[in-house]
């Protein structure tokens, strides 16, 4: 059931972006894109994550809607044209996105490691201060 809920959540995200976003941009220009971004993504994030349509572990990242939307938009033109040529044309972009995601993952890991190092140092300093205070009391 968890898988089915996830598929539904991802499908809603991809379909709403693919079907609605462009209309907002055509009607209102850049402001329409910002409005679509605010309305579509916030409502879908609320439905998928806050209400719990898609369940996650506490330490997992929320990249799922981006993956669902990206997959939907990547396949949209192929279904419209009933051809695989749009997929072949989109492969260079997809490869760049994958490389960017890998680099982003490494950078995020390095930042998280640095945060953990800072927390460990802070904890060590707090313990040292407490130890020195205990020494003063016992002297």
Foldseek 3Di string as FASTA:
>chain_A
DLVVLLVVLLQLLQVCCVPPQVVLCVVPNPVSNVVSCVPRVVVSCCVPPVVPSHDDDPPDDPCRNVVSNVVSVQCVVCVVVVHCVSNVVCVVVVVVVVVVVVVVVVVVVVVVVVVVVVVVVVVVVVVVVVVVVVVVVVD
